[in-house]
């Protein structure tokens, strides 16, 4: 049996925008095993970035469970999640995430 690396169970995310609730994700469940490659595709506004930010320990789900390598990342403190991201995760953002007061020279 393959070793599970990422597991999502009934993950939902709801935002409040101008007093209205917007459901970005509804009951998403899937597993990614070690060594598998996964592509997340969909139309603009379909929840891809929201899903990746939840898996990346940046944005907690409204409901559901997210485990990476057997660790429920949203049971960790914010400090421990920051350590987890630094040690185990990497992102290539679709928009620049630069610090305005820094430069690369």
PDB file of N, CA and C in Angstrom:
ATOM      1  N   UNK A   1       0.840  -1.176   0.000  1.00  0.00           N
ATOM      2  CA  UNK A   1       0.000   0.000   0.000  1.00  0.00           C
ATOM      3  C   UNK A   1       0.886   1.242   0.000  1.00  0.00           C
ATOM      4  N   UNK A   2       0.486   2.251  -0.765  1.00  0.00           N
ATOM      5  CA  UNK A   2       1.269   3.484  -0.896  1.00  0.00           C
ATOM      6  C   UNK A   2       1.212   4.306   0.390  1.00  0.00           C
ATOM      7  N   UNK A   3       2.299   5.017   0.640  1.00  0.00           N
ATOM      8  CA  UNK A   3       2.378   5.872   1.828  1.00  0.00           C
ATOM      9  C   UNK A   3       1.693   7.212   1.542  1.00  0.00           C
ATOM     10  N   UNK A   4       0.700   7.550   2.377  1.00  0.00           N
ATOM     11  CA  UNK A   4      -0.051   8.781   2.173  1.00  0.00           C
ATOM     12  C   UNK A   4       0.764   9.990   2.624  1.00  0.00           C
ATOM     13  N   UNK A   5       0.803  11.031   1.780  1.00  0.00           N
ATOM     14  CA  UNK A   5       1.547  12.247   2.078  1.00  0.00           C
ATOM     15  C   UNK A   5       0.613  13.402   2.437  1.00  0.00           C
ATOM     16  N   UNK A   6      -0.466  13.577   1.664  1.00  0.00           N
ATOM     17  CA  UNK A   6      -1.431  14.654   1.908  1.00  0.00           C
ATOM     18  C   UNK A   6      -2.818  14.037   1.954  1.00  0.00           C
ATOM     19  N   UNK A   7      -3.594  14.414   2.959  1.00  0.00           N
ATOM     20  CA  UNK A   7      -4.955  13.913   3.084  1.00  0.00           C
ATOM     21  C   UNK A   7      -5.879  15.062   3.464  1.00  0.00           C
ATOM     22  N   UNK A   8      -6.915  15.270   2.669  1.00  0.00           N
ATOM     23  CA  UNK A   8      -7.951  16.258   2.971  1.00  0.00           C
ATOM     24  C   UNK A   8      -9.256  15.519   3.173  1.00  0.00           C
ATOM     25  N   UNK A   9      -9.994  15.887   4.211  1.00  0.00           N
ATOM     26  CA  UNK A   9     -11.284  15.281   4.507  1.00  0.00           C
ATOM     27  C   UNK A   9     -12.316  16.367   4.749  1.00  0.00           C
ATOM     28  N   UNK A  10     -13.302  16.421   3.861  1.00  0.00           N
ATOM     29  CA  UNK A  10     -14.447  17.333   3.992  1.00  0.00           C
ATOM     30  C   UNK A  10     -14.026  18.781   4.227  1.00  0.00           C
ATOM     31  N   UNK A  11     -13.047  19.230   3.459  1.00  0.00           N
ATOM     32  CA  UNK A  11     -12.530  20.594   3.605  1.00  0.00           C
ATOM     33  C   UNK A  11     -13.452  21.580   2.886  1.00  0.00           C
ATOM     34  N   UNK A  12     -13.901  22.575   3.634  1.00  0.00           N
ATOM     35  CA  UNK A  12     -14.726  23.651   3.086  1.00  0.00           C
ATOM     36  C   UNK A  12     -14.122  24.979   3.496  1.00  0.00           C
ATOM     37  N   UNK A  13     -14.338  25.987   2.668  1.00  0.00           N
ATOM     38  CA  UNK A  13     -13.886  27.345   2.992  1.00  0.00           C
ATOM     39  C   UNK A  13     -14.967  28.320   2.561  1.00  0.00           C
ATOM     40  N   UNK A  14     -15.405  29.137   3.514  1.00  0.00           N
ATOM     41  CA  UNK A  14     -16.410  30.159   3.256  1.00  0.00           C
ATOM     42  C   UNK A  14     -15.826  31.506   3.635  1.00  0.00           C
ATOM     43  N   UNK A  15     -15.959  32.467   2.744  1.00  0.00           N
ATOM     44  CA  UNK A  15     -15.536  33.838   3.000  1.00  0.00           C
ATOM     45  C   UNK A  15     -16.777  34.704   3.166  1.00  0.00           C
ATOM     46  N   UNK A  16     -16.638  35.795   3.899  1.00  0.00           N
ATOM     47  CA  UNK A  16     -17.705  36.785   3.979  1.00  0.00           C
ATOM     48  C   UNK A  16     -17.240  38.004   3.197  1.00  0.00           C
ATOM     49  N   UNK A  17     -18.020  38.377   2.191  1.00  0.00           N
ATOM     50  CA  UNK A  17     -17.695  39.511   1.338  1.00  0.00           C
ATOM     51  C   UNK A  17     -18.898  40.437   1.265  1.00  0.00           C
ATOM     52  N   UNK A  18     -18.720  41.635   1.775  1.00  0.00           N
ATOM     53  CA  UNK A  18     -19.778  42.645   1.769  1.00  0.00           C
ATOM     54  C   UNK A  18     -21.072  42.107   2.389  1.00  0.00           C
ATOM     55  N   UNK A  19     -20.914  41.363   3.492  1.00  0.00           N
ATOM     56  CA  UNK A  19     -22.060  40.831   4.214  1.00  0.00           C
ATOM     57  C   UNK A  19     -22.620  39.536   3.666  1.00  0.00           C
ATOM     58  N   UNK A  20     -22.137  39.090   2.510  1.00  0.00           N
ATOM     59  CA  UNK A  20     -22.612  37.839   1.910  1.00  0.00           C
ATOM     60  C   UNK A  20     -21.574  36.744   2.101  1.00  0.00           C
ATOM     61  N   UNK A  21     -22.047  35.520   2.337  1.00  0.00           N
ATOM     62  CA  UNK A  21     -21.147  34.378   2.421  1.00  0.00           C
ATOM     63  C   UNK A  21     -20.882  33.826   1.024  1.00  0.00           C
ATOM     64  N   UNK A  22     -19.606  33.572   0.751  1.00  0.00           N
ATOM     65  CA  UNK A  22     -19.192  32.999  -0.528  1.00  0.00           C
ATOM     66  C   UNK A  22     -18.473  31.692  -0.223  1.00  0.00           C
ATOM     67  N   UNK A  23     -18.994  30.587  -0.740  1.00  0.00           N
ATOM     68  CA  UNK A  23     -18.381  29.291  -0.485  1.00  0.00           C
ATOM     69  C   UNK A  23     -17.361  28.999  -1.585  1.00  0.00           C
ATOM     70  N   UNK A  24     -16.077  29.094  -1.213  1.00  0.00           N
ATOM     71  CA  UNK A  24     -14.995  28.860  -2.173  1.00  0.00           C
ATOM     72  C   UNK A  24     -14.740  27.370  -2.379  1.00  0.00           C
ATOM     73  N   UNK A  25     -14.875  26.579  -1.320  1.00  0.00           N
ATOM     74  CA  UNK A  25     -14.694  25.127  -1.387  1.00  0.00           C
ATOM     75  C   UNK A  25     -15.800  24.462  -0.581  1.00  0.00           C
ATOM     76  N   UNK A  26     -16.260  23.320  -1.056  1.00  0.00           N
ATOM     77  CA  UNK A  26     -17.322  22.600  -0.351  1.00  0.00           C
ATOM     78  C   UNK A  26     -16.981  21.119  -0.269  1.00  0.00           C
ATOM     79  N   UNK A  27     -16.695  20.652   0.930  1.00  0.00           N
ATOM     80  CA  UNK A  27     -16.490  19.226   1.226  1.00  0.00           C
ATOM     81  C   UNK A  27     -15.493  18.549   0.287  1.00  0.00           C
ATOM     82  N   UNK A  28     -14.310  19.126   0.153  1.00  0.00           N
ATOM     83  CA  UNK A  28     -13.261  18.553  -0.698  1.00  0.00           C
ATOM     84  C   UNK A  28     -12.529  17.461   0.080  1.00  0.00           C
ATOM     85  N   UNK A  29     -12.420  16.289  -0.518  1.00  0.00           N
ATOM     86  CA  UNK A  29     -11.696  15.168   0.091  1.00  0.00           C
ATOM     87  C   UNK A  29     -10.837  14.493  -0.975  1.00  0.00           C
ATOM     88  N   UNK A  30      -9.567  14.296  -0.672  1.00  0.00           N
ATOM     89  CA  UNK A  30      -8.696  13.509  -1.552  1.00  0.00           C
ATOM     90  C   UNK A  30      -7.403  13.197  -0.819  1.00  0.00           C
ATOM     91  N   UNK A  31      -6.661  12.236  -1.359  1.00  0.00           N
ATOM     92  CA  UNK A  31      -5.366  11.835  -0.816  1.00  0.00           C
ATOM     93  C   UNK A  31      -4.324  11.932  -1.921  1.00  0.00           C
ATOM     94  N   UNK A  32      -3.114  12.272  -1.526  1.00  0.00           N
ATOM     95  CA  UNK A  32      -1.967  12.239  -2.427  1.00  0.00           C
ATOM     96  C   UNK A  32      -0.927  11.352  -1.763  1.00  0.00           C
ATOM     97  N   UNK A  33      -0.521  10.312  -2.469  1.00  0.00           N
ATOM     98  CA  UNK A  33       0.473   9.392  -1.931  1.00  0.00           C
ATOM     99  C   UNK A  33       1.879   9.864  -2.257  1.00  0.00           C
ATOM    100  N   UNK A  34       2.820   9.436  -1.441  1.00  0.00           N
ATOM    101  CA  UNK A  34       4.221   9.768  -1.661  1.00  0.00           C
ATOM    102  C   UNK A  34       4.631   9.328  -3.065  1.00  0.00           C
ATOM    103  N   UNK A  35       5.287  10.241  -3.796  1.00  0.00           N
ATOM    104  CA  UNK A  35       5.760   9.948  -5.138  1.00  0.00           C
ATOM    105  C   UNK A  35       4.777  10.289  -6.243  1.00  0.00           C
ATOM    106  N   UNK A  36       3.541  10.606  -5.894  1.00  0.00           N
ATOM    107  CA  UNK A  36       2.551  10.974  -6.911  1.00  0.00           C
ATOM    108  C   UNK A  36       2.713  12.431  -7.311  1.00  0.00           C
ATOM    109  N   UNK A  37       2.391  12.715  -8.564  1.00  0.00           N
ATOM    110  CA  UNK A  37       2.325  14.093  -9.050  1.00  0.00           C
ATOM    111  C   UNK A  37       0.855  14.431  -9.248  1.00  0.00           C
ATOM    112  N   UNK A  38       0.473  15.627  -8.830  1.00  0.00           N
ATOM    113  CA  UNK A  38      -0.926  16.043  -8.896  1.00  0.00           C
ATOM    114  C   UNK A  38      -1.002  17.409  -9.554  1.00  0.00           C
ATOM    115  N   UNK A  39      -2.005  17.590 -10.388  1.00  0.00           N
ATOM    116  CA  UNK A  39      -2.271  18.882 -11.008  1.00  0.00           C
ATOM    117  C   UNK A  39      -3.651  19.343 -10.562  1.00  0.00           C
ATOM    118  N   UNK A  40      -3.757  20.602 -10.164  1.00  0.00           N
ATOM    119  CA  UNK A  40      -5.044  21.174  -9.770  1.00  0.00           C
ATOM    120  C   UNK A  40      -5.432  22.166 -10.850  1.00  0.00           C
ATOM    121  N   UNK A  41      -6.542  21.869 -11.518  1.00  0.00           N
ATOM    122  CA  UNK A  41      -6.972  22.684 -12.652  1.00  0.00           C
ATOM    123  C   UNK A  41      -8.419  23.109 -12.458  1.00  0.00           C
ATOM    124  N   UNK A  42      -8.763  24.253 -13.044  1.00  0.00           N
ATOM    125  CA  UNK A  42     -10.142  24.716 -12.994  1.00  0.00           C
ATOM    126  C   UNK A  42     -10.249  26.126 -13.521  1.00  0.00           C
ATOM    127  N   UNK A  43     -11.471  26.551 -13.721  1.00  0.00           N
ATOM    128  CA  UNK A  43     -11.744  27.899 -14.212  1.00  0.00           C
ATOM    129  C   UNK A  43     -11.337  28.940 -13.176  1.00  0.00           C
ATOM    130  N   UNK A  44     -11.183  30.169 -13.609  1.00  0.00           N
ATOM    131  CA  UNK A  44     -10.915  31.286 -12.716  1.00  0.00           C
ATOM    132  C   UNK A  44     -12.027  31.370 -11.674  1.00  0.00           C
ATOM    133  N   UNK A  45     -11.632  31.476 -10.413  1.00  0.00           N
ATOM    134  CA  UNK A  45     -12.615  31.586  -9.340  1.00  0.00           C
ATOM    135  C   UNK A  45     -13.154  30.264  -8.834  1.00  0.00           C
ATOM    136  N   UNK A  46     -12.571  29.151  -9.286  1.00  0.00           N
ATOM    137  CA  UNK A  46     -13.093  27.839  -8.889  1.00  0.00           C
ATOM    138  C   UNK A  46     -12.536  27.329  -7.562  1.00  0.00           C
ATOM    139  N   UNK A  47     -11.577  28.053  -6.956  1.00  0.00           N
ATOM    140  CA  UNK A  47     -11.069  27.666  -5.643  1.00  0.00           C
ATOM    141  C   UNK A  47      -9.682  27.055  -5.635  1.00  0.00           C
ATOM    142  N   UNK A  48      -8.977  27.078  -6.762  1.00  0.00           N
ATOM    143  CA  UNK A  48      -7.637  26.476  -6.829  1.00  0.00           C
ATOM    144  C   UNK A  48      -6.667  27.127  -5.848  1.00  0.00           C
ATOM    145  N   UNK A  49      -6.583  28.447  -5.881  1.00  0.00           N
ATOM    146  CA  UNK A  49      -5.654  29.159  -4.991  1.00  0.00           C
ATOM    147  C   UNK A  49      -6.062  28.998  -3.535  1.00  0.00           C
ATOM    148  N   UNK A  50      -7.361  29.002  -3.276  1.00  0.00           N
ATOM    149  CA  UNK A  50      -7.847  28.783  -1.910  1.00  0.00           C
ATOM    150  C   UNK A  50      -7.426  27.406  -1.424  1.00  0.00           C
ATOM    151  N   UNK A  51      -7.608  26.389  -2.257  1.00  0.00           N
ATOM    152  CA  UNK A  51      -7.224  25.028  -1.891  1.00  0.00           C
ATOM    153  C   UNK A  51      -5.729  24.941  -1.601  1.00  0.00           C
ATOM    154  N   UNK A  52      -4.908  25.523  -2.469  1.00  0.00           N
ATOM    155  CA  UNK A  52      -3.458  25.467  -2.264  1.00  0.00           C
ATOM    156  C   UNK A  52      -3.028  26.232  -1.020  1.00  0.00           C
ATOM    157  N   UNK A  53      -3.687  27.345  -0.723  1.00  0.00           N
ATOM    158  CA  UNK A  53      -3.324  28.092   0.487  1.00  0.00           C
ATOM    159  C   UNK A  53      -3.718  27.319   1.745  1.00  0.00           C
ATOM    160  N   UNK A  54      -4.775  26.523   1.666  1.00  0.00           N
ATOM    161  CA  UNK A  54      -5.164  25.678   2.802  1.00  0.00           C
ATOM    162  C   UNK A  54      -4.164  24.537   2.964  1.00  0.00           C
ATOM    163  N   UNK A  55      -3.828  23.857   1.874  1.00  0.00           N
ATOM    164  CA  UNK A  55      -2.845  22.768   1.939  1.00  0.00           C
ATOM    165  C   UNK A  55      -1.488  23.304   2.388  1.00  0.00           C
ATOM    166  N   UNK A  56      -1.166  24.529   2.003  1.00  0.00           N
ATOM    167  CA  UNK A  56       0.114  25.141   2.347  1.00  0.00           C
ATOM    168  C   UNK A  56       0.176  25.761   3.727  1.00  0.00           C
ATOM    169  N   UNK A  57      -0.828  25.512   4.555  1.00  0.00           N
ATOM    170  CA  UNK A  57      -0.853  25.984   5.948  1.00  0.00           C
ATOM    171  C   UNK A  57      -0.868  27.501   6.057  1.00  0.00           C
ATOM    172  N   UNK A  58      -1.405  28.175   5.021  1.00  0.00           N
ATOM    173  CA  UNK A  58      -1.487  29.634   5.026  1.00  0.00           C
ATOM    174  C   UNK A  58      -2.864  30.145   5.415  1.00  0.00           C
ATOM    175  N   UNK A  59      -3.897  29.338   5.192  1.00  0.00           N
ATOM    176  CA  UNK A  59      -5.271  29.798   5.308  1.00  0.00           C
ATOM    177  C   UNK A  59      -6.120  28.643   5.843  1.00  0.00           C
ATOM    178  N   UNK A  60      -6.563  28.699   7.090  1.00  0.00           N
ATOM    179  CA  UNK A  60      -7.297  27.559   7.650  1.00  0.00           C
ATOM    180  C   UNK A  60      -8.651  27.353   6.978  1.00  0.00           C
ATOM    181  N   UNK A  61      -9.072  26.101   6.851  1.00  0.00           N
ATOM    182  CA  UNK A  61     -10.392  25.844   6.295  1.00  0.00           C
ATOM    183  C   UNK A  61     -11.476  26.249   7.294  1.00  0.00           C
ATOM    184  N   UNK A  62     -12.663  26.520   6.788  1.00  0.00           N
ATOM    185  CA  UNK A  62     -13.806  26.772   7.655  1.00  0.00           C
ATOM    186  C   UNK A  62     -14.218  25.473   8.336  1.00  0.00           C
ATOM    187  N   UNK A  63     -14.130  24.376   7.592  1.00  0.00           N
ATOM    188  CA  UNK A  63     -14.441  23.043   8.112  1.00  0.00           C
ATOM    189  C   UNK A  63     -13.483  22.045   7.493  1.00  0.00           C
ATOM    190  N   UNK A  64     -13.320  20.908   8.160  1.00  0.00           N
ATOM    191  CA  UNK A  64     -12.557  19.815   7.590  1.00  0.00           C
ATOM    192  C   UNK A  64     -11.193  19.627   8.217  1.00  0.00           C
ATOM    193  N   UNK A  65     -10.496  18.635   7.707  1.00  0.00           N
ATOM    194  CA  UNK A  65      -9.212  18.206   8.260  1.00  0.00           C
ATOM    195  C   UNK A  65      -8.178  18.144   7.139  1.00  0.00           C
ATOM    196  N   UNK A  66      -6.979  18.672   7.426  1.00  0.00           N
ATOM    197  CA  UNK A  66      -5.873  18.653   6.471  1.00  0.00           C
ATOM    198  C   UNK A  66      -4.668  18.022   7.164  1.00  0.00           C
ATOM    199  N   UNK A  67      -4.201  16.899   6.627  1.00  0.00           N
ATOM    200  CA  UNK A  67      -3.024  16.234   7.181  1.00  0.00           C
ATOM    201  C   UNK A  67      -1.925  16.184   6.134  1.00  0.00           C
ATOM    202  N   UNK A  68      -0.730  16.508   6.571  1.00  0.00           N
ATOM    203  CA  UNK A  68       0.454  16.364   5.735  1.00  0.00           C
ATOM    204  C   UNK A  68       1.421  15.468   6.490  1.00  0.00           C
ATOM    205  N   UNK A  69       1.749  14.354   5.871  1.00  0.00           N
ATOM    206  CA  UNK A  69       2.632  13.361   6.485  1.00  0.00           C
ATOM    207  C   UNK A  69       2.132  12.962   7.874  1.00  0.00           C
ATOM    208  N   UNK A  70       0.806  12.817   7.995  1.00  0.00           N
ATOM    209  CA  UNK A  70       0.193  12.368   9.244  1.00  0.00           C
ATOM    210  C   UNK A  70      -0.027  13.443  10.284  1.00  0.00           C
ATOM    211  N   UNK A  71       0.348  14.685   9.985  1.00  0.00           N
ATOM    212  CA  UNK A  71       0.195  15.790  10.941  1.00  0.00           C
ATOM    213  C   UNK A  71      -0.991  16.646  10.532  1.00  0.00           C
ATOM    214  N   UNK A  72      -1.952  16.816  11.445  1.00  0.00           N
ATOM    215  CA  UNK A  72      -3.066  17.730  11.190  1.00  0.00           C
ATOM    216  C   UNK A  72      -2.519  19.142  11.368  1.00  0.00           C
ATOM    217  N   UNK A  73      -2.257  19.823  10.265  1.00  0.00           N
ATOM    218  CA  UNK A  73      -1.526  21.089  10.323  1.00  0.00           C
ATOM    219  C   UNK A  73      -2.298  22.206  11.012  1.00  0.00           C
ATOM    220  N   UNK A  74      -3.619  22.098  11.078  1.00  0.00           N
ATOM    221  CA  UNK A  74      -4.382  23.160  11.735  1.00  0.00           C
ATOM    222  C   UNK A  74      -4.633  22.882  13.209  1.00  0.00           C
ATOM    223  N   UNK A  75      -4.046  21.800  13.738  1.00  0.00           N
ATOM    224  CA  UNK A  75      -3.991  21.596  15.183  1.00  0.00           C
ATOM    225  C   UNK A  75      -2.698  22.181  15.746  1.00  0.00           C
ATOM    226  N   UNK A  76      -1.781  22.578  14.861  1.00  0.00           N
ATOM    227  CA  UNK A  76      -0.530  23.211  15.283  1.00  0.00           C
ATOM    228  C   UNK A  76      -0.784  24.683  15.601  1.00  0.00           C
ATOM    229  N   UNK A  77       0.031  25.241  16.483  1.00  0.00           N
ATOM    230  CA  UNK A  77      -0.045  26.680  16.753  1.00  0.00           C
ATOM    231  C   UNK A  77       0.417  27.437  15.508  1.00  0.00           C
ATOM    232  N   UNK A  78       0.133  28.736  15.442  1.00  0.00           N
ATOM    233  CA  UNK A  78       0.584  29.538  14.298  1.00  0.00           C
ATOM    234  C   UNK A  78       2.099  29.486  14.160  1.00  0.00           C
ATOM    235  N   UNK A  79       2.803  29.545  15.283  1.00  0.00           N
ATOM    236  CA  UNK A  79       4.269  29.491  15.246  1.00  0.00           C
ATOM    237  C   UNK A  79       4.752  28.144  14.703  1.00  0.00           C
ATOM    238  N   UNK A  80       4.125  27.061  15.152  1.00  0.00           N
ATOM    239  CA  UNK A  80       4.524  25.734  14.672  1.00  0.00           C
ATOM    240  C   UNK A  80       4.173  25.553  13.194  1.00  0.00           C
ATOM    241  N   UNK A  81       3.046  26.148  12.739  1.00  0.00           N
ATOM    242  CA  UNK A  81       2.706  26.093  11.310  1.00  0.00           C
ATOM    243  C   UNK A  81       3.736  26.857  10.484  1.00  0.00           C
ATOM    244  N   UNK A  82       4.193  27.994  11.002  1.00  0.00           N
ATOM    245  CA  UNK A  82       5.229  28.764  10.300  1.00  0.00           C
ATOM    246  C   UNK A  82       6.511  27.937  10.195  1.00  0.00           C
ATOM    247  N   UNK A  83       6.894  27.266  11.271  1.00  0.00           N
ATOM    248  CA  UNK A  83       8.069  26.388  11.245  1.00  0.00           C
ATOM    249  C   UNK A  83       7.867  25.249  10.241  1.00  0.00           C
ATOM    250  N   UNK A  84       6.677  24.667  10.237  1.00  0.00           N
ATOM    251  CA  UNK A  84       6.347  23.574   9.320  1.00  0.00           C
ATOM    252  C   UNK A  84       6.480  24.031   7.871  1.00  0.00           C
ATOM    253  N   UNK A  85       5.925  25.214   7.556  1.00  0.00           N
ATOM    254  CA  UNK A  85       6.032  25.755   6.189  1.00  0.00           C
ATOM    255  C   UNK A  85       7.491  25.962   5.802  1.00  0.00           C
ATOM    256  N   UNK A  86       8.261  26.536   6.717  1.00  0.00           N
ATOM    257  CA  UNK A  86       9.667  26.828   6.420  1.00  0.00           C
ATOM    258  C   UNK A  86      10.455  25.543   6.145  1.00  0.00           C
ATOM    259  N   UNK A  87      10.174  24.498   6.910  1.00  0.00           N
ATOM    260  CA  UNK A  87      10.954  23.266   6.804  1.00  0.00           C
ATOM    261  C   UNK A  87      10.494  22.326   5.682  1.00  0.00           C
ATOM    262  N   UNK A  88       9.180  22.314   5.376  1.00  0.00           N
ATOM    263  CA  UNK A  88       8.651  21.250   4.522  1.00  0.00           C
ATOM    264  C   UNK A  88       7.915  21.691   3.261  1.00  0.00           C
ATOM    265  N   UNK A  89       7.572  22.957   3.124  1.00  0.00           N
ATOM    266  CA  UNK A  89       6.737  23.387   2.003  1.00  0.00           C
ATOM    267  C   UNK A  89       7.428  24.451   1.169  1.00  0.00           C
ATOM    268  N   UNK A  90       7.046  24.527  -0.090  1.00  0.00           N
ATOM    269  CA  UNK A  90       7.536  25.575  -0.973  1.00  0.00           C
ATOM    270  C   UNK A  90       6.433  26.005  -1.918  1.00  0.00           C
ATOM    271  N   UNK A  91       6.438  27.263  -2.287  1.00  0.00           N
ATOM    272  CA  UNK A  91       5.419  27.808  -3.175  1.00  0.00           C
ATOM    273  C   UNK A  91       6.068  28.578  -4.311  1.00  0.00           C
ATOM    274  N   UNK A  92       5.456  28.517  -5.477  1.00  0.00           N
ATOM    275  CA  UNK A  92       5.735  29.442  -6.562  1.00  0.00           C
ATOM    276  C   UNK A  92       4.421  30.186  -6.762  1.00  0.00           C
ATOM    277  N   UNK A  93       4.376  31.448  -6.333  1.00  0.00           N
ATOM    278  CA  UNK A  93       3.143  32.224  -6.378  1.00  0.00           C
ATOM    279  C   UNK A  93       2.875  32.731  -7.788  1.00  0.00           C
ATOM    280  N   UNK A  94       1.601  32.858  -8.137  1.00  0.00           N
ATOM    281  CA  UNK A  94       1.248  33.369  -9.460  1.00  0.00           C
ATOM    282  C   UNK A  94       1.478  34.868  -9.549  1.00  0.00           C
ATOM    283  N   UNK A  95       1.520  35.544  -8.412  1.00  0.00           N
ATOM    284  CA  UNK A  95       1.837  36.968  -8.376  1.00  0.00           C
ATOM    285  C   UNK A  95       3.026  37.148  -7.444  1.00  0.00           C
ATOM    286  N   UNK A  96       3.809  38.181  -7.685  1.00  0.00           N
ATOM    287  CA  UNK A  96       5.004  38.414  -6.885  1.00  0.00           C
ATOM    288  C   UNK A  96       4.649  38.616  -5.417  1.00  0.00           C
ATOM    289  N   UNK A  97       5.424  38.002  -4.549  1.00  0.00           N
ATOM    290  CA  UNK A  97       5.251  38.141  -3.107  1.00  0.00           C
ATOM    291  C   UNK A  97       6.544  38.743  -2.546  1.00  0.00           C
ATOM    292  N   UNK A  98       6.851  39.953  -2.990  1.00  0.00           N
ATOM    293  CA  UNK A  98       8.093  40.600  -2.594  1.00  0.00           C
ATOM    294  C   UNK A  98       7.855  41.553  -1.437  1.00  0.00           C
ATOM    295  N   UNK A  99       8.883  41.768  -0.651  1.00  0.00           N
ATOM    296  CA  UNK A  99       8.830  42.730   0.446  1.00  0.00           C
ATOM    297  C   UNK A  99       9.215  44.083  -0.135  1.00  0.00           C
ATOM    298  N   UNK A 100       8.319  45.074  -0.076  1.00  0.00           N
ATOM    299  CA  UNK A 100       8.559  46.350  -0.762  1.00  0.00           C
ATOM    300  C   UNK A 100       9.819  47.089  -0.312  1.00  0.00           C
ATOM    301  N   UNK A 101      10.260  46.879   0.916  1.00  0.00           N
ATOM    302  CA  UNK A 101      11.418  47.612   1.429  1.00  0.00           C
ATOM    303  C   UNK A 101      12.738  46.909   1.139  1.00  0.00           C
ATOM    304  N   UNK A 102      12.678  45.747   0.487  1.00  0.00           N
ATOM    305  CA  UNK A 102      13.889  44.988   0.172  1.00  0.00           C
ATOM    306  C   UNK A 102      14.167  45.052  -1.325  1.00  0.00           C
ATOM    307  N   UNK A 103      15.408  44.766  -1.686  1.00  0.00           N
ATOM    308  CA  UNK A 103      15.734  44.647  -3.106  1.00  0.00           C
ATOM    309  C   UNK A 103      16.644  43.447  -3.294  1.00  0.00           C
ATOM    310  N   UNK A 104      16.824  43.052  -4.525  1.00  0.00           N
ATOM    311  CA  UNK A 104      17.587  41.838  -4.808  1.00  0.00           C
ATOM    312  C   UNK A 104      19.036  42.112  -5.179  1.00  0.00           C
ATOM    313  N   UNK A 105      19.463  43.359  -5.101  1.00  0.00           N
ATOM    314  CA  UNK A 105      20.841  43.666  -5.485  1.00  0.00           C
ATOM    315  C   UNK A 105      21.797  43.513  -4.331  1.00  0.00           C
TER     316      UNK A 105
END
